[in-house]
Amino acid sequence: ALAVPAVRRLMPEGTLRAAPGLPAAVASIGLTCAAFFGAEAFLPLTLNEVRGQSPTMAGLALTAATMTWTAGSWINARRAKEWTRRSSAVSGVILVAVGIAVSGSTAYSEVPVIAAAAGWGIGGLGMGIAWQTMTLTILSEAPEEKVGASSAALNLSNVLGVAVGTGLGGAVVSAGESAGWDTATSVGTIFAMMFVVALLAV
């Protein structure tokens, strides 16, 4: 409650209602970061505690996104003149949503564990496309006299998205423990929430 008025003053006017242009780009990058990193923070927990995998396996699943994020940025740079910013951003966030859904499905024992790495690779590819597009949009659409403020808003939205996404996930785990849920139910709920956040970003 205390943070909302401050965020409104630090962000471009219209960010909280995703007004077209710069405000929508700032809002979208915050939502996308919340969804991606909010899910990523709990992928190792899913693989270690729910599926009984080693920390090495969890690390390999996360590494998939690192590699594909780079690939997504490269693809986006190569296709920048052919794709509109809107189509790049939307396509990237859709891939993030798909990645969250595929990786999150590993909370259920019937799904092969390899789906975690495959899904997170898809999500990383989407982040490489979407994050680069949104960042360039924010910096290029900012008025010359407000480039510094827009850059600060970009960073704030990014960091705030990560904090809110992971914070909500932690709250779900804590509430689940209090309610007697098993870990699979808690992480499944987190992935479902982050999928919805990604759809909101779309």
Protein backbone atom coordinates (compact mmCIF):
# COMPACT_ATOMS: atom_id res chain seq x y z
CA ALA A 1 0.00 0.00 0.00
CA LEU A 2 2.86 2.36 0.80
CA ALA A 3 4.74 1.44 -2.36
CA VAL A 4 1.96 1.99 -4.91
CA PRO A 5 1.92 5.84 -4.74
CA ALA A 6 5.73 5.88 -5.00
CA VAL A 7 5.71 3.51 -7.98
CA ARG A 8 3.12 5.68 -9.73
CA ARG A 9 5.39 8.70 -9.40
CA LEU A 10 8.52 6.86 -10.53
CA MET A 11 6.93 5.21 -13.57
CA PRO A 12 5.75 6.93 -16.78
CA GLU A 13 2.21 8.25 -16.43
CA GLY A 14 -0.29 5.53 -17.34
CA THR A 15 1.97 2.55 -16.51
CA LEU A 16 -0.46 0.94 -14.05
CA ARG A 17 -3.22 0.96 -16.69
CA ALA A 18 -0.78 0.05 -19.50
CA ALA A 19 -1.48 3.12 -21.61
CA PRO A 20 -0.22 2.71 -25.21
CA GLY A 21 3.44 3.29 -25.98
CA LEU A 22 6.07 3.78 -23.30
CA PRO A 23 3.78 3.07 -20.27
CA ALA A 24 2.58 -0.23 -21.76
CA ALA A 25 6.16 -1.32 -22.48
CA VAL A 26 7.21 -0.56 -18.90
CA ALA A 27 4.19 -2.43 -17.49
CA SER A 28 4.73 -5.38 -19.83
CA ILE A 29 8.37 -5.87 -18.91
CA GLY A 30 7.43 -5.88 -15.23
CA LEU A 31 4.72 -8.49 -15.73
CA THR A 32 6.93 -10.63 -17.96
CA CYS A 33 9.79 -10.58 -15.44
CA ALA A 34 7.36 -11.43 -12.62
CA ALA A 35 6.05 -14.43 -14.54
CA PHE A 36 9.40 -15.76 -15.76
CA PHE A 37 11.50 -15.27 -12.64
CA GLY A 38 8.61 -16.07 -10.30
CA ALA A 39 8.42 -19.50 -11.94
CA GLU A 40 12.19 -19.94 -12.33
CA ALA A 41 12.78 -19.44 -8.61
CA PHE A 42 10.70 -22.54 -7.85
CA LEU A 43 11.82 -24.82 -10.66
CA PRO A 44 14.76 -26.22 -8.61
CA LEU A 45 12.39 -26.86 -5.69
CA THR A 46 10.09 -28.75 -8.04
CA LEU A 47 12.88 -30.91 -9.44
CA ASN A 48 14.67 -31.52 -6.12
CA GLU A 49 11.84 -32.06 -3.65
CA VAL A 50 8.92 -33.14 -5.83
CA ARG A 51 10.72 -35.20 -8.47
CA GLY A 52 13.75 -36.29 -6.45
CA GLN A 53 16.34 -34.98 -8.90
CA SER A 54 19.85 -33.86 -8.02
CA PRO A 55 20.90 -30.20 -7.84
CA THR A 56 22.90 -30.88 -11.02
CA MET A 57 19.73 -31.76 -12.92
CA ALA A 58 18.00 -28.63 -11.63
CA GLY A 59 20.97 -26.55 -12.71
CA LEU A 60 20.93 -28.06 -16.19
CA ALA A 61 17.24 -27.18 -16.57
CA LEU A 62 18.01 -23.55 -15.67
CA THR A 63 20.99 -23.51 -18.01
CA ALA A 64 18.70 -24.31 -20.94
CA ALA A 65 17.04 -20.90 -20.52
CA THR A 66 20.38 -19.13 -20.35
CA MET A 67 21.38 -20.52 -23.73
CA THR A 68 18.04 -19.95 -25.42
CA TRP A 69 17.70 -16.41 -24.02
CA THR A 70 20.89 -15.56 -25.92
CA ALA A 71 19.50 -17.27 -29.02
CA GLY A 72 16.25 -15.32 -28.72
CA SER A 73 18.11 -12.02 -28.55
CA TRP A 74 20.14 -12.99 -31.60
CA ILE A 75 17.04 -14.02 -33.57
CA ASN A 76 15.29 -10.80 -32.61
CA ALA A 77 18.24 -8.69 -33.73
CA ARG A 78 18.36 -10.50 -37.07
CA ARG A 79 14.63 -10.07 -37.68
CA ALA A 80 14.19 -6.56 -36.28
CA LYS A 81 13.44 -5.06 -39.71
CA GLU A 82 10.91 -7.77 -40.61
CA TRP A 83 8.97 -8.01 -37.34
CA THR A 84 7.05 -5.23 -35.67
CA ARG A 85 7.85 -4.53 -32.05
CA ARG A 86 4.34 -5.51 -31.05
CA SER A 87 4.56 -8.90 -32.78
CA SER A 88 8.02 -9.56 -31.32
CA ALA A 89 6.95 -8.69 -27.80
CA VAL A 90 3.71 -10.68 -27.96
CA SER A 91 5.41 -13.70 -29.54
CA GLY A 92 8.11 -13.65 -26.90
CA VAL A 93 5.68 -13.46 -23.99
CA ILE A 94 3.56 -16.27 -25.46
CA LEU A 95 6.70 -18.43 -25.52
CA VAL A 96 7.32 -17.50 -21.88
CA ALA A 97 3.79 -18.62 -21.00
CA VAL A 98 4.25 -21.90 -22.88
CA GLY A 99 7.58 -22.48 -21.14
CA ILE A 100 6.01 -21.92 -17.72
CA ALA A 101 3.17 -24.34 -18.52
CA VAL A 102 5.50 -27.07 -19.82
CA SER A 103 8.02 -26.77 -16.98
CA GLY A 104 5.29 -26.47 -14.37
CA SER A 105 3.73 -29.72 -15.57
CA THR A 106 6.71 -31.57 -14.05
CA ALA A 107 5.14 -30.99 -10.62
CA TYR A 108 3.04 -34.03 -11.56
CA SER A 109 4.76 -37.43 -11.53
CA GLU A 110 3.28 -38.57 -14.84
CA VAL A 111 5.25 -35.95 -16.79
CA PRO A 112 8.87 -36.79 -17.78
CA VAL A 113 11.45 -34.72 -15.94
CA ILE A 114 13.07 -33.68 -19.22
CA ALA A 115 10.02 -31.47 -19.79
CA ALA A 116 11.46 -29.05 -17.21
CA ALA A 117 14.53 -28.35 -19.32
CA ALA A 118 12.56 -28.30 -22.57
CA GLY A 119 9.97 -25.94 -21.15
CA TRP A 120 12.51 -23.64 -19.61
CA GLY A 121 14.40 -23.53 -22.88
CA ILE A 122 11.20 -22.34 -24.56
CA GLY A 123 10.67 -19.76 -21.83
CA GLY A 124 14.24 -18.49 -22.17
CA LEU A 125 13.82 -18.12 -25.91
CA GLY A 126 10.71 -16.05 -25.30
CA MET A 127 12.52 -13.85 -22.77
CA GLY A 128 15.34 -13.24 -25.23
CA ILE A 129 12.85 -11.98 -27.80
CA ALA A 130 10.45 -10.12 -25.51
CA TRP A 131 12.89 -8.51 -23.07
CA GLN A 132 15.10 -7.09 -25.81
CA THR A 133 12.09 -5.75 -27.72
CA MET A 134 10.53 -4.11 -24.67
CA THR A 135 13.84 -2.61 -23.55
CA LEU A 136 14.50 -1.08 -26.97
CA THR A 137 10.94 0.24 -27.09
CA ILE A 138 11.26 1.93 -23.71
CA LEU A 139 14.59 3.57 -24.54
CA SER A 140 13.62 4.63 -28.07
CA GLU A 141 10.17 6.01 -27.23
CA ALA A 142 11.33 8.08 -24.28
CA PRO A 143 11.44 11.85 -24.92
CA GLU A 144 15.03 13.08 -25.11
CA GLU A 145 14.72 15.00 -21.87
CA LYS A 146 13.36 11.93 -20.06
CA VAL A 147 15.77 9.21 -21.24
CA GLY A 148 17.29 8.94 -17.76
CA ALA A 149 13.90 8.69 -16.06
CA SER A 150 12.72 6.11 -18.58
CA SER A 151 15.87 4.04 -18.09
CA ALA A 152 15.29 4.16 -14.32
CA ALA A 153 11.65 3.13 -14.82
CA LEU A 154 12.80 0.19 -16.98
CA ASN A 155 15.17 -0.98 -14.26
CA LEU A 156 12.59 -0.47 -11.50
CA SER A 157 9.90 -2.37 -13.41
CA ASN A 158 12.32 -5.21 -14.08
CA VAL A 159 13.49 -5.52 -10.46
CA LEU A 160 10.00 -4.99 -9.04
CA GLY A 161 8.62 -7.70 -11.31
CA VAL A 162 11.24 -10.20 -10.12
CA ALA A 163 10.62 -9.29 -6.46
CA VAL A 164 6.82 -9.51 -6.72
CA GLY A 165 6.89 -12.78 -8.68
CA THR A 166 9.26 -14.56 -6.32
CA GLY A 167 7.60 -12.99 -3.28
CA LEU A 168 4.17 -14.27 -4.30
CA GLY A 169 5.65 -17.71 -4.87
CA GLY A 170 7.24 -17.70 -1.42
CA ALA A 171 3.93 -16.67 0.11
CA VAL A 172 2.21 -19.60 -1.61
CA VAL A 173 4.81 -22.07 -0.28
CA SER A 174 4.43 -20.67 3.23
CA ALA A 175 0.62 -20.73 3.07
CA GLY A 176 0.74 -24.24 1.66
CA GLU A 177 2.86 -25.47 4.56
CA SER A 178 0.43 -23.92 7.02
CA ALA A 179 -2.50 -25.52 5.21
CA GLY A 180 -0.83 -28.94 5.05
CA TRP A 181 -0.38 -29.02 1.27
CA ASP A 182 2.29 -31.21 -0.23
CA THR A 183 5.10 -29.49 -2.13
CA ALA A 184 3.71 -30.56 -5.50
CA THR A 185 0.46 -28.71 -4.84
CA SER A 186 2.31 -25.56 -3.74
CA VAL A 187 4.64 -25.40 -6.75
CA GLY A 188 1.82 -26.35 -9.11
CA THR A 189 -0.14 -23.38 -7.78
CA ILE A 190 2.87 -21.09 -8.28
CA PHE A 191 3.35 -22.14 -11.89
CA ALA A 192 -0.37 -21.68 -12.55
CA MET A 193 -0.23 -18.16 -11.07
CA MET A 194 2.82 -17.22 -13.13
CA PHE A 195 1.16 -18.57 -16.28
CA VAL A 196 -1.77 -16.23 -15.64
CA VAL A 197 0.63 -13.30 -15.09
CA ALA A 198 2.27 -14.11 -18.45
CA LEU A 199 -1.13 -14.13 -20.14
CA LEU A 200 -1.84 -10.74 -18.60
CA ALA A 201 1.43 -9.49 -20.08
CA VAL A 202 0.33 -10.77 -23.50
